Amino acid sequence: MTTDTKTRKMPAAVILTAGAEARIAHLMSEAPADAIGVKLSTPRRGCSGLAYSVDYVTEEAKFDEKIETPGGIFYIDGASVLYLVGSTMDWREDDFTAGFVFENPNAKGACGCGESFMV
């Protein structure tokens, strides 16, 4: 008896909009020489407990999720994936602000200034 198994590609934990992908490409075009990509993590910070942090990364970590975008590699911190599954990440700019914006279905609340969130 033989067992035939098929591997199904899992969807990414975070969906990147075209704006987010373009911003990652821009960041990688100006990245330090040792940067291999950009990484999203959720460090403990702010009055609600967790914050979004996007930083350059110089080496892959074993449990990080890796997403290849047209402009460079995007990593999601392995310890943060649970808080981010199903989220959408966008880049938005207007006359007064510019930054990554997250739509996170796991967030149960956020602080008044928008600095942090809770799950």
PDB file of N, CA and C in Angstrom:
ATOM      1  N   MET A   1       0.852  -1.176   0.000  1.00  0.00           N
ATOM      2  CA  MET A   1       0.000   0.000   0.000  1.00  0.00           C
ATOM      3  C   MET A   1       0.899   1.240   0.000  1.00  0.00           C
ATOM      4  N   THR A   2       0.586   2.169  -0.861  1.00  0.00           N
ATOM      5  CA  THR A   2       1.337   3.421  -0.903  1.00  0.00           C
ATOM      6  C   THR A   2       0.437   4.556  -0.474  1.00  0.00           C
ATOM      7  N   THR A   3       1.042   5.496   0.143  1.00  0.00           N
ATOM      8  CA  THR A   3       0.309   6.687   0.582  1.00  0.00           C
ATOM      9  C   THR A   3       0.753   7.843  -0.281  1.00  0.00           C
ATOM     10  N   ASP A   4      -0.190   8.445  -0.954  1.00  0.00           N
ATOM     11  CA  ASP A   4       0.105   9.587  -1.807  1.00  0.00           C
ATOM     12  C   ASP A   4      -0.315  10.848  -1.080  1.00  0.00           C
ATOM     13  N   THR A   5       0.643  11.663  -0.730  1.00  0.00           N
ATOM     14  CA  THR A   5       0.306  12.892  -0.020  1.00  0.00           C
ATOM     15  C   THR A   5       0.544  14.087  -0.917  1.00  0.00           C
ATOM     16  N   LYS A   6      -0.269  15.086  -0.715  1.00  0.00           N
ATOM     17  CA  LYS A   6      -0.121  16.334  -1.461  1.00  0.00           C
ATOM     18  C   LYS A   6       0.140  17.443  -0.460  1.00  0.00           C
ATOM     19  N   THR A   7       1.052  18.295  -0.826  1.00  0.00           N
ATOM     20  CA  THR A   7       1.304  19.446   0.026  1.00  0.00           C
ATOM     21  C   THR A   7       0.548  20.638  -0.517  1.00  0.00           C
ATOM     22  N   ARG A   8      -0.140  21.289   0.382  1.00  0.00           N
ATOM     23  CA  ARG A   8      -0.894  22.478   0.019  1.00  0.00           C
ATOM     24  C   ARG A   8      -0.162  23.673   0.570  1.00  0.00           C
ATOM     25  N   LYS A   9       0.044  24.661  -0.288  1.00  0.00           N
ATOM     26  CA  LYS A   9       0.707  25.881   0.163  1.00  0.00           C
ATOM     27  C   LYS A   9      -0.238  26.634   1.088  1.00  0.00           C
ATOM     28  N   MET A  10       0.265  26.942   2.259  1.00  0.00           N
ATOM     29  CA  MET A  10      -0.530  27.666   3.252  1.00  0.00           C
ATOM     30  C   MET A  10      -0.573  29.141   2.884  1.00  0.00           C
ATOM     31  N   PRO A  11      -1.722  29.790   3.102  1.00  0.00           N
ATOM     32  CA  PRO A  11      -1.763  31.232   2.838  1.00  0.00           C
ATOM     33  C   PRO A  11      -0.887  31.969   3.843  1.00  0.00           C
ATOM     34  N   ALA A  12      -0.390  33.107   3.434  1.00  0.00           N
ATOM     35  CA  ALA A  12       0.450  33.916   4.318  1.00  0.00           C
ATOM     36  C   ALA A  12      -0.374  34.391   5.511  1.00  0.00           C
ATOM     37  N   ALA A  13       0.275  34.532   6.650  1.00  0.00           N
ATOM     38  CA  ALA A  13      -0.411  34.999   7.865  1.00  0.00           C
ATOM     39  C   ALA A  13      -0.904  36.427   7.712  1.00  0.00           C
ATOM     40  N   VAL A  14      -0.158  37.244   6.941  1.00  0.00           N
ATOM     41  CA  VAL A  14      -0.507  38.641   6.719  1.00  0.00           C
ATOM     42  C   VAL A  14      -0.605  38.895   5.223  1.00  0.00           C
ATOM     43  N   ILE A  15      -1.669  39.534   4.814  1.00  0.00           N
ATOM     44  CA  ILE A  15      -1.840  39.915   3.408  1.00  0.00           C
ATOM     45  C   ILE A  15      -1.242  41.304   3.228  1.00  0.00           C
ATOM     46  N   LEU A  16      -0.384  41.436   2.248  1.00  0.00           N
ATOM     47  CA  LEU A  16       0.235  42.726   1.947  1.00  0.00           C
ATOM     48  C   LEU A  16      -0.481  43.367   0.771  1.00  0.00           C
ATOM     49  N   THR A  17      -0.891  44.611   0.911  1.00  0.00           N
ATOM     50  CA  THR A  17      -1.500  45.322  -0.204  1.00  0.00           C
ATOM     51  C   THR A  17      -0.403  45.754  -1.173  1.00  0.00           C
ATOM     52  N   ALA A  18      -0.806  46.233  -2.336  1.00  0.00           N
ATOM     53  CA  ALA A  18       0.161  46.745  -3.310  1.00  0.00           C
ATOM     54  C   ALA A  18       0.948  47.910  -2.718  1.00  0.00           C
ATOM     55  N   GLY A  19       0.291  48.739  -1.915  1.00  0.00           N
ATOM     56  CA  GLY A  19       0.969  49.858  -1.266  1.00  0.00           C
ATOM     57  C   GLY A  19       2.040  49.390  -0.291  1.00  0.00           C
ATOM     58  N   ALA A  20       1.742  48.334   0.482  1.00  0.00           N
ATOM     59  CA  ALA A  20       2.723  47.792   1.426  1.00  0.00           C
ATOM     60  C   ALA A  20       3.897  47.182   0.673  1.00  0.00           C
ATOM     61  N   GLU A  21       3.609  46.460  -0.406  1.00  0.00           N
ATOM     62  CA  GLU A  21       4.690  45.866  -1.197  1.00  0.00           C
ATOM     63  C   GLU A  21       5.575  46.939  -1.811  1.00  0.00           C
ATOM     64  N   ALA A  22       4.970  48.012  -2.284  1.00  0.00           N
ATOM     65  CA  ALA A  22       5.752  49.110  -2.866  1.00  0.00           C
ATOM     66  C   ALA A  22       6.635  49.764  -1.799  1.00  0.00           C
ATOM     67  N   ARG A  23       6.109  49.910  -0.594  1.00  0.00           N
ATOM     68  CA  ARG A  23       6.905  50.515   0.480  1.00  0.00           C
ATOM     69  C   ARG A  23       8.051  49.594   0.885  1.00  0.00           C
ATOM     70  N   ILE A  24       7.822  48.291   0.922  1.00  0.00           N
ATOM     71  CA  ILE A  24       8.896  47.343   1.218  1.00  0.00           C
ATOM     72  C   ILE A  24       9.983  47.453   0.158  1.00  0.00           C
ATOM     73  N   ALA A  25       9.589  47.569  -1.110  1.00  0.00           N
ATOM     74  CA  ALA A  25      10.567  47.735  -2.194  1.00  0.00           C
ATOM     75  C   ALA A  25      11.375  49.013  -1.983  1.00  0.00           C
ATOM     76  N   HIS A  26      10.696  50.099  -1.596  1.00  0.00           N
ATOM     77  CA  HIS A  26      11.388  51.366  -1.343  1.00  0.00           C
ATOM     78  C   HIS A  26      12.367  51.226  -0.175  1.00  0.00           C
ATOM     79  N   LEU A  27      11.916  50.598   0.915  1.00  0.00           N
ATOM     80  CA  LEU A  27      12.788  50.399   2.069  1.00  0.00           C
ATOM     81  C   LEU A  27      14.014  49.566   1.698  1.00  0.00           C
ATOM     82  N   MET A  28      13.808  48.512   0.911  1.00  0.00           N
ATOM     83  CA  MET A  28      14.931  47.658   0.530  1.00  0.00           C
ATOM     84  C   MET A  28      15.882  48.370  -0.422  1.00  0.00           C
ATOM     85  N   SER A  29      15.385  49.319  -1.202  1.00  0.00           N
ATOM     86  CA  SER A  29      16.264  50.059  -2.102  1.00  0.00           C
ATOM     87  C   SER A  29      17.196  50.994  -1.322  1.00  0.00           C
ATOM     88  N   GLU A  30      16.818  51.338  -0.094  1.00  0.00           N
ATOM     89  CA  GLU A  30      17.626  52.213   0.747  1.00  0.00           C
ATOM     90  C   GLU A  30      18.184  51.493   1.975  1.00  0.00           C
ATOM     91  N   ALA A  31      18.095  50.170   1.986  1.00  0.00           N
ATOM     92  CA  ALA A  31      18.482  49.379   3.156  1.00  0.00           C
ATOM     93  C   ALA A  31      19.988  49.351   3.364  1.00  0.00           C
ATOM     94  N   PRO A  32      20.398  49.145   4.608  1.00  0.00           N
ATOM     95  CA  PRO A  32      21.823  48.937   4.869  1.00  0.00           C
ATOM     96  C   PRO A  32      22.306  47.709   4.085  1.00  0.00           C
ATOM     97  N   ALA A  33      23.594  47.670   3.790  1.00  0.00           N
ATOM     98  CA  ALA A  33      24.154  46.608   2.955  1.00  0.00           C
ATOM     99  C   ALA A  33      23.911  45.207   3.508  1.00  0.00           C
ATOM    100  N   ASP A  34      23.843  45.061   4.831  1.00  0.00           N
ATOM    101  CA  ASP A  34      23.677  43.720   5.402  1.00  0.00           C
ATOM    102  C   ASP A  34      22.217  43.305   5.584  1.00  0.00           C
ATOM    103  N   ALA A  35      21.265  44.137   5.214  1.00  0.00           N
ATOM    104  CA  ALA A  35      19.839  43.810   5.362  1.00  0.00           C
ATOM    105  C   ALA A  35      19.416  42.801   4.303  1.00  0.00           C
ATOM    106  N   ILE A  36      18.711  41.754   4.753  1.00  0.00           N
ATOM    107  CA  ILE A  36      18.209  40.742   3.813  1.00  0.00           C
ATOM    108  C   ILE A  36      16.704  40.882   3.615  1.00  0.00           C
ATOM    109  N   GLY A  37      16.068  41.726   4.400  1.00  0.00           N
ATOM    110  CA  GLY A  37      14.630  41.914   4.284  1.00  0.00           C
ATOM    111  C   GLY A  37      14.105  42.845   5.353  1.00  0.00           C
ATOM    112  N   VAL A  38      12.788  42.880   5.441  1.00  0.00           N
ATOM    113  CA  VAL A  38      12.076  43.706   6.416  1.00  0.00           C
ATOM    114  C   VAL A  38      11.234  42.755   7.259  1.00  0.00           C
ATOM    115  N   LYS A  39      11.175  43.019   8.568  1.00  0.00           N
ATOM    116  CA  LYS A  39      10.492  42.106   9.484  1.00  0.00           C
ATOM    117  C   LYS A  39       9.434  42.823  10.305  1.00  0.00           C
ATOM    118  N   LEU A  40       8.257  42.195  10.390  1.00  0.00           N
ATOM    119  CA  LEU A  40       7.159  42.674  11.222  1.00  0.00           C
ATOM    120  C   LEU A  40       7.142  41.870  12.514  1.00  0.00           C
ATOM    121  N   SER A  41       7.091  42.575  13.627  1.00  0.00           N
ATOM    122  CA  SER A  41       6.973  41.914  14.925  1.00  0.00           C
ATOM    123  C   SER A  41       5.973  42.680  15.784  1.00  0.00           C
ATOM    124  N   THR A  42       5.611  42.086  16.913  1.00  0.00           N
ATOM    125  CA  THR A  42       4.661  42.723  17.832  1.00  0.00           C
ATOM    126  C   THR A  42       5.256  42.755  19.235  1.00  0.00           C
ATOM    127  N   PRO A  43       6.201  43.665  19.477  1.00  0.00           N
ATOM    128  CA  PRO A  43       6.797  43.747  20.816  1.00  0.00           C
ATOM    129  C   PRO A  43       5.785  44.264  21.839  1.00  0.00           C
ATOM    130  N   ARG A  44       6.025  43.934  23.086  1.00  0.00           N
ATOM    131  CA  ARG A  44       5.184  44.438  24.176  1.00  0.00           C
ATOM    132  C   ARG A  44       5.516  45.907  24.386  1.00  0.00           C
ATOM    133  N   ARG A  45       4.487  46.741  24.195  1.00  0.00           N
ATOM    134  CA  ARG A  45       4.696  48.185  24.299  1.00  0.00           C
ATOM    135  C   ARG A  45       3.341  48.880  24.389  1.00  0.00           C
ATOM    136  N   GLY A  46       3.336  50.063  24.915  1.00  0.00           N
ATOM    137  CA  GLY A  46       2.125  50.881  24.947  1.00  0.00           C
ATOM    138  C   GLY A  46       1.167  50.470  26.049  1.00  0.00           C
ATOM    139  N   CYS A  47       0.065  51.179  26.137  1.00  0.00           N
ATOM    140  CA  CYS A  47      -0.875  50.930  27.229  1.00  0.00           C
ATOM    141  C   CYS A  47      -1.806  49.749  26.964  1.00  0.00           C
ATOM    142  N   SER A  48      -1.878  49.262  25.717  1.00  0.00           N
ATOM    143  CA  SER A  48      -2.730  48.110  25.429  1.00  0.00           C
ATOM    144  C   SER A  48      -1.961  46.795  25.369  1.00  0.00           C
ATOM    145  N   GLY A  49      -0.648  46.849  25.360  1.00  0.00           N
ATOM    146  CA  GLY A  49       0.129  45.625  25.473  1.00  0.00           C
ATOM    147  C   GLY A  49       1.031  45.269  24.312  1.00  0.00           C
ATOM    148  N   LEU A  50       0.566  45.379  23.065  1.00  0.00           N
ATOM    149  CA  LEU A  50       1.356  45.005  21.898  1.00  0.00           C
ATOM    150  C   LEU A  50       1.371  46.146  20.891  1.00  0.00           C
ATOM    151  N   ALA A  51       2.459  46.252  20.151  1.00  0.00           N
ATOM    152  CA  ALA A  51       2.571  47.278  19.110  1.00  0.00           C
ATOM    153  C   ALA A  51       3.105  46.620  17.845  1.00  0.00           C
ATOM    154  N   TYR A  52       2.904  47.254  16.728  1.00  0.00           N
ATOM    155  CA  TYR A  52       3.465  46.784  15.459  1.00  0.00           C
ATOM    156  C   TYR A  52       4.836  47.434  15.277  1.00  0.00           C
ATOM    157  N   SER A  53       5.808  46.634  14.889  1.00  0.00           N
ATOM    158  CA  SER A  53       7.145  47.156  14.646  1.00  0.00           C
ATOM    159  C   SER A  53       7.670  46.569  13.341  1.00  0.00           C
ATOM    160  N   VAL A  54       8.159  47.436  12.455  1.00  0.00           N
ATOM    161  CA  VAL A  54       8.726  47.006  11.178  1.00  0.00           C
ATOM    162  C   VAL A  54      10.178  47.470  11.157  1.00  0.00           C
ATOM    163  N   ASP A  55      11.085  46.511  10.983  1.00  0.00           N
ATOM    164  CA  ASP A  55      12.514  46.803  11.053  1.00  0.00           C
ATOM    165  C   ASP A  55      13.263  46.012   9.985  1.00  0.00           C
ATOM    166  N   TYR A  56      14.468  46.465   9.670  1.00  0.00           N
ATOM    167  CA  TYR A  56      15.343  45.689   8.802  1.00  0.00           C
ATOM    168  C   TYR A  56      15.805  44.447   9.551  1.00  0.00           C
ATOM    169  N   VAL A  57      16.055  43.389   8.817  1.00  0.00           N
ATOM    170  CA  VAL A  57      16.564  42.161   9.407  1.00  0.00           C
ATOM    171  C   VAL A  57      17.819  41.740   8.645  1.00  0.00           C
ATOM    172  N   THR A  58      18.807  41.239   9.378  1.00  0.00           N
ATOM    173  CA  THR A  58      20.080  40.870   8.755  1.00  0.00           C
ATOM    174  C   THR A  58      20.284  39.362   8.655  1.00  0.00           C
ATOM    175  N   GLU A  59      19.444  38.585   9.332  1.00  0.00           N
ATOM    176  CA  GLU A  59      19.526  37.129   9.201  1.00  0.00           C
ATOM    177  C   GLU A  59      18.174  36.508   9.485  1.00  0.00           C
ATOM    178  N   GLU A  60      17.927  35.357   8.853  1.00  0.00           N
ATOM    179  CA  GLU A  60      16.660  34.664   9.049  1.00  0.00           C
ATOM    180  C   GLU A  60      16.646  33.970  10.403  1.00  0.00           C
ATOM    181  N   ALA A  61      15.506  34.037  11.062  1.00  0.00           N
ATOM    182  CA  ALA A  61      15.306  33.297  12.304  1.00  0.00           C
ATOM    183  C   ALA A  61      14.516  32.033  11.967  1.00  0.00           C
ATOM    184  N   LYS A  62      14.784  30.976  12.684  1.00  0.00           N
ATOM    185  CA  LYS A  62      14.239  29.653  12.373  1.00  0.00           C
ATOM    186  C   LYS A  62      12.715  29.625  12.208  1.00  0.00           C
ATOM    187  N   PHE A  63      11.976  30.273  13.067  1.00  0.00           N
ATOM    188  CA  PHE A  63      10.521  30.155  13.047  1.00  0.00           C
ATOM    189  C   PHE A  63       9.800  31.343  12.404  1.00  0.00           C
ATOM    190  N   ASP A  64      10.533  32.264  11.823  1.00  0.00           N
ATOM    191  CA  ASP A  64       9.896  33.393  11.147  1.00  0.00           C
ATOM    192  C   ASP A  64       9.205  32.932   9.873  1.00  0.00           C
ATOM    193  N   GLU A  65       8.068  33.566   9.571  1.00  0.00           N
ATOM    194  CA  GLU A  65       7.408  33.313   8.297  1.00  0.00           C
ATOM    195  C   GLU A  65       8.078  34.194   7.256  1.00  0.00           C
ATOM    196  N   LYS A  66       8.273  33.652   6.076  1.00  0.00           N
ATOM    197  CA  LYS A  66       8.979  34.363   5.002  1.00  0.00           C
ATOM    198  C   LYS A  66       8.026  34.540   3.823  1.00  0.00           C
ATOM    199  N   ILE A  67       7.853  35.801   3.405  1.00  0.00           N
ATOM    200  CA  ILE A  67       6.989  36.113   2.265  1.00  0.00           C
ATOM    201  C   ILE A  67       7.842  36.832   1.230  1.00  0.00           C
ATOM    202  N   GLU A  68       7.894  36.285   0.028  1.00  0.00           N
ATOM    203  CA  GLU A  68       8.661  36.925  -1.040  1.00  0.00           C
ATOM    204  C   GLU A  68       7.759  37.909  -1.762  1.00  0.00           C
ATOM    205  N   THR A  69       8.183  39.166  -1.806  1.00  0.00           N
ATOM    206  CA  THR A  69       7.435  40.204  -2.511  1.00  0.00           C
ATOM    207  C   THR A  69       8.280  40.651  -3.695  1.00  0.00           C
ATOM    208  N   PRO A  70       7.690  41.350  -4.654  1.00  0.00           N
ATOM    209  CA  PRO A  70       8.473  41.825  -5.803  1.00  0.00           C
ATOM    210  C   PRO A  70       9.655  42.721  -5.416  1.00  0.00           C
ATOM    211  N   GLY A  71       9.553  43.421  -4.286  1.00  0.00           N
ATOM    212  CA  GLY A  71      10.605  44.356  -3.902  1.00  0.00           C
ATOM    213  C   GLY A  71      11.555  43.848  -2.843  1.00  0.00           C
ATOM    214  N   GLY A  72      11.339  42.655  -2.326  1.00  0.00           N
ATOM    215  CA  GLY A  72      12.217  42.121  -1.295  1.00  0.00           C
ATOM    216  C   GLY A  72      11.501  41.143  -0.393  1.00  0.00           C
ATOM    217  N   ILE A  73      12.259  40.575   0.520  1.00  0.00           N
ATOM    218  CA  ILE A  73      11.717  39.573   1.432  1.00  0.00           C
ATOM    219  C   ILE A  73      11.086  40.263   2.643  1.00  0.00           C
ATOM    220  N   PHE A  74       9.901  39.785   3.007  1.00  0.00           N
ATOM    221  CA  PHE A  74       9.165  40.285   4.162  1.00  0.00           C
ATOM    222  C   PHE A  74       9.045  39.135   5.155  1.00  0.00           C
ATOM    223  N   TYR A  75       9.495  39.367   6.365  1.00  0.00           N
ATOM    224  CA  TYR A  75       9.439  38.353   7.402  1.00  0.00           C
ATOM    225  C   TYR A  75       8.413  38.729   8.453  1.00  0.00           C
ATOM    226  N   ILE A  76       7.804  37.698   9.056  1.00  0.00           N
ATOM    227  CA  ILE A  76       6.919  37.904  10.201  1.00  0.00           C
ATOM    228  C   ILE A  76       7.526  37.128  11.356  1.00  0.00           C
ATOM    229  N   ASP A  77       7.769  37.816  12.440  1.00  0.00           N
ATOM    230  CA  ASP A  77       8.347  37.211  13.624  1.00  0.00           C
ATOM    231  C   ASP A  77       7.538  35.986  14.033  1.00  0.00           C
ATOM    232  N   GLY A  78       8.222  34.869  14.246  1.00  0.00           N
ATOM    233  CA  GLY A  78       7.556  33.618  14.582  1.00  0.00           C
ATOM    234  C   GLY A  78       6.685  33.711  15.827  1.00  0.00           C
ATOM    235  N   ALA A  79       7.121  34.467  16.822  1.00  0.00           N
ATOM    236  CA  ALA A  79       6.345  34.617  18.054  1.00  0.00           C
ATOM    237  C   ALA A  79       5.146  35.549  17.876  1.00  0.00           C
ATOM    238  N   SER A  80       5.117  36.313  16.793  1.00  0.00           N
ATOM    239  CA  SER A  80       4.036  37.275  16.562  1.00  0.00           C
ATOM    240  C   SER A  80       2.948  36.751  15.619  1.00  0.00           C
ATOM    241  N   VAL A  81       3.226  35.673  14.904  1.00  0.00           N
ATOM    242  CA  VAL A  81       2.289  35.176  13.892  1.00  0.00           C
ATOM    243  C   VAL A  81       0.904  34.957  14.479  1.00  0.00           C
ATOM    244  N   LEU A  82       0.837  34.376  15.666  1.00  0.00           N
ATOM    245  CA  LEU A  82      -0.452  34.088  16.297  1.00  0.00           C
ATOM    246  C   LEU A  82      -1.324  35.330  16.445  1.00  0.00           C
ATOM    247  N   TYR A  83      -0.705  36.475  16.714  1.00  0.00           N
ATOM    248  CA  TYR A  83      -1.450  37.723  16.899  1.00  0.00           C
ATOM    249  C   TYR A  83      -1.835  38.378  15.570  1.00  0.00           C
ATOM    250  N   LEU A  84      -1.253  37.897  14.464  1.00  0.00           N
ATOM    251  CA  LEU A  84      -1.397  38.578  13.179  1.00  0.00           C
ATOM    252  C   LEU A  84      -2.155  37.792  12.109  1.00  0.00           C
ATOM    253  N   VAL A  85      -2.449  36.534  12.346  1.00  0.00           N
ATOM    254  CA  VAL A  85      -3.101  35.703  11.336  1.00  0.00           C
ATOM    255  C   VAL A  85      -4.377  36.372  10.825  1.00  0.00           C
ATOM    256  N   GLY A  86      -4.476  36.496   9.516  1.00  0.00           N
ATOM    257  CA  GLY A  86      -5.657  37.090   8.898  1.00  0.00           C
ATOM    258  C   GLY A  86      -5.594  38.596   8.743  1.00  0.00           C
ATOM    259  N   SER A  87      -4.490  39.199   9.141  1.00  0.00           N
ATOM    260  CA  SER A  87      -4.353  40.659   9.077  1.00  0.00           C
ATOM    261  C   SER A  87      -3.999  41.129   7.668  1.00  0.00           C
ATOM    262  N   THR A  88      -4.304  42.378   7.400  1.00  0.00           N
ATOM    263  CA  THR A  88      -3.899  43.048   6.170  1.00  0.00           C
ATOM    264  C   THR A  88      -2.994  44.211   6.556  1.00  0.00           C
ATOM    265  N   MET A  89      -1.883  44.328   5.833  1.00  0.00           N
ATOM    266  CA  MET A  89      -0.931  45.414   6.080  1.00  0.00           C
ATOM    267  C   MET A  89      -0.911  46.305   4.854  1.00  0.00           C
ATOM    268  N   ASP A  90      -1.086  47.606   5.061  1.00  0.00           N
ATOM    269  CA  ASP A  90      -1.121  48.572   3.971  1.00  0.00           C
ATOM    270  C   ASP A  90      -0.157  49.714   4.299  1.00  0.00           C
ATOM    271  N   TRP A  91       0.238  50.454   3.288  1.00  0.00           N
ATOM    272  CA  TRP A  91       1.014  51.682   3.472  1.00  0.00           C
ATOM    273  C   TRP A  91       0.132  52.819   3.019  1.00  0.00           C
ATOM    274  N   ARG A  92      -0.059  53.819   3.877  1.00  0.00           N
ATOM    275  CA  ARG A  92      -0.895  54.963   3.531  1.00  0.00           C
ATOM    276  C   ARG A  92      -0.144  56.255   3.810  1.00  0.00           C
ATOM    277  N   GLU A  93      -0.325  57.202   2.895  1.00  0.00           N
ATOM    278  CA  GLU A  93       0.277  58.536   3.035  1.00  0.00           C
ATOM    279  C   GLU A  93      -0.775  59.580   2.728  1.00  0.00           C
ATOM    280  N   ASP A  94      -0.738  60.651   3.488  1.00  0.00           N
ATOM    281  CA  ASP A  94      -1.537  61.824   3.148  1.00  0.00           C
ATOM    282  C   ASP A  94      -0.701  63.060   3.467  1.00  0.00           C
ATOM    283  N   ASP A  95      -1.322  64.218   3.499  1.00  0.00           N
ATOM    284  CA  ASP A  95      -0.573  65.454   3.734  1.00  0.00           C
ATOM    285  C   ASP A  95       0.084  65.521   5.116  1.00  0.00           C
ATOM    286  N   PHE A  96      -0.427  64.770   6.080  1.00  0.00           N
ATOM    287  CA  PHE A  96       0.039  64.915   7.456  1.00  0.00           C
ATOM    288  C   PHE A  96       0.720  63.685   8.041  1.00  0.00           C
ATOM    289  N   THR A  97       0.418  62.510   7.521  1.00  0.00           N
ATOM    290  CA  THR A  97       0.991  61.284   8.089  1.00  0.00           C
ATOM    291  C   THR A  97       1.375  60.305   6.994  1.00  0.00           C
ATOM    292  N   ALA A  98       2.239  59.391   7.351  1.00  0.00           N
ATOM    293  CA  ALA A  98       2.606  58.287   6.471  1.00  0.00           C
ATOM    294  C   ALA A  98       2.986  57.120   7.361  1.00  0.00           C
ATOM    295  N   GLY A  99       2.532  55.933   7.016  1.00  0.00           N
ATOM    296  CA  GLY A  99       2.894  54.774   7.816  1.00  0.00           C
ATOM    297  C   GLY A  99       2.151  53.526   7.413  1.00  0.00           C
ATOM    298  N   PHE A 100       2.617  52.426   7.949  1.00  0.00           N
ATOM    299  CA  PHE A 100       1.926  51.162   7.747  1.00  0.00           C
ATOM    300  C   PHE A 100       0.662  51.169   8.582  1.00  0.00           C
ATOM    301  N   VAL A 101      -0.408  50.645   8.009  1.00  0.00           N
ATOM    302  CA  VAL A 101      -1.702  50.558   8.677  1.00  0.00           C
ATOM    303  C   VAL A 101      -2.107  49.090   8.676  1.00  0.00           C
ATOM    304  N   PHE A 102      -2.605  48.622   9.812  1.00  0.00           N
ATOM    305  CA  PHE A 102      -2.953  47.213   9.969  1.00  0.00           C
ATOM    306  C   PHE A 102      -4.438  47.052  10.236  1.00  0.00           C
ATOM    307  N   GLU A 103      -5.042  46.124   9.535  1.00  0.00           N
ATOM    308  CA  GLU A 103      -6.406  45.682   9.834  1.00  0.00           C
ATOM    309  C   GLU A 103      -6.238  44.292  10.406  1.00  0.00           C
ATOM    310  N   ASN A 104      -6.406  44.174  11.722  1.00  0.00           N
ATOM    311  CA  ASN A 104      -6.116  42.938  12.417  1.00  0.00           C
ATOM    312  C   ASN A 104      -7.390  42.394  13.058  1.00  0.00           C
ATOM    313  N   PRO A 105      -7.933  41.280  12.539  1.00  0.00           N
ATOM    314  CA  PRO A 105      -9.163  40.727  13.111  1.00  0.00           C
ATOM    315  C   PRO A 105      -8.975  40.150  14.512  1.00  0.00           C
ATOM    316  N   ASN A 106      -7.735  39.969  14.943  1.00  0.00           N
ATOM    317  CA  ASN A 106      -7.454  39.414  16.267  1.00  0.00           C
ATOM    318  C   ASN A 106      -7.416  40.482  17.355  1.00  0.00           C
ATOM    319  N   ALA A 107      -7.292  41.738  16.974  1.00  0.00           N
ATOM    320  CA  ALA A 107      -7.210  42.825  17.950  1.00  0.00           C
ATOM    321  C   ALA A 107      -8.573  43.027  18.605  1.00  0.00           C
ATOM    322  N   LYS A 108      -8.582  42.971  19.909  1.00  0.00           N
ATOM    323  CA  LYS A 108      -9.827  43.146  20.671  1.00  0.00           C
ATOM    324  C   LYS A 108     -10.001  44.578  21.149  1.00  0.00           C
ATOM    325  N   GLY A 109      -8.960  45.377  20.996  1.00  0.00           N
ATOM    326  CA  GLY A 109      -9.025  46.768  21.406  1.00  0.00           C
ATOM    327  C   GLY A 109      -7.702  47.440  21.128  1.00  0.00           C
ATOM    328  N   ALA A 110      -7.706  48.753  21.233  1.00  0.00           N
ATOM    329  CA  ALA A 110      -6.487  49.535  21.010  1.00  0.00           C
ATOM    330  C   ALA A 110      -6.505  50.729  21.958  1.00  0.00           C
ATOM    331  N   CYS A 111      -5.336  51.277  22.175  1.00  0.00           N
ATOM    332  CA  CYS A 111      -5.271  52.469  23.021  1.00  0.00           C
ATOM    333  C   CYS A 111      -5.798  53.673  22.229  1.00  0.00           C
ATOM    334  N   GLY A 112      -6.074  54.736  22.913  1.00  0.00           N
ATOM    335  CA  GLY A 112      -6.659  55.919  22.282  1.00  0.00           C
ATOM    336  C   GLY A 112      -5.781  56.562  21.231  1.00  0.00           C
ATOM    337  N   CYS A 113      -4.483  56.485  21.394  1.00  0.00           N
ATOM    338  CA  CYS A 113      -3.585  57.143  20.423  1.00  0.00           C
ATOM    339  C   CYS A 113      -3.249  56.218  19.245  1.00  0.00           C
ATOM    340  N   GLY A 114      -3.653  54.954  19.319  1.00  0.00           N
ATOM    341  CA  GLY A 114      -3.383  54.021  18.229  1.00  0.00           C
ATOM    342  C   GLY A 114      -1.992  53.419  18.246  1.00  0.00           C
ATOM    343  N   GLU A 115      -1.236  53.658  19.305  1.00  0.00           N
ATOM    344  CA  GLU A 115       0.131  53.157  19.437  1.00  0.00           C
ATOM    345  C   GLU A 115       0.176  51.650  19.655  1.00  0.00           C
ATOM    346  N   SER A 116      -0.803  51.090  20.366  1.00  0.00           N
ATOM    347  CA  SER A 116      -0.746  49.681  20.696  1.00  0.00           C
ATOM    348  C   SER A 116      -2.130  49.041  20.622  1.00  0.00           C
ATOM    349  N   PHE A 117      -2.134  47.703  20.680  1.00  0.00           N
ATOM    350  CA  PHE A 117      -3.383  46.946  20.597  1.00  0.00           C
ATOM    351  C   PHE A 117      -3.328  45.762  21.561  1.00  0.00           C
ATOM    352  N   MET A 118      -4.491  45.143  21.788  1.00  0.00           N
ATOM    353  CA  MET A 118      -4.549  43.944  22.633  1.00  0.00           C
ATOM    354  C   MET A 118      -5.303  42.847  21.904  1.00  0.00           C
ATOM    355  N   VAL A 119      -4.969  41.612  22.245  1.00  0.00           N
ATOM    356  CA  VAL A 119      -5.645  40.448  21.649  1.00  0.00           C
ATOM    357  C   VAL A 119      -6.348  39.653  22.714  1.00  0.00           C
TER     358      VAL A 119
END
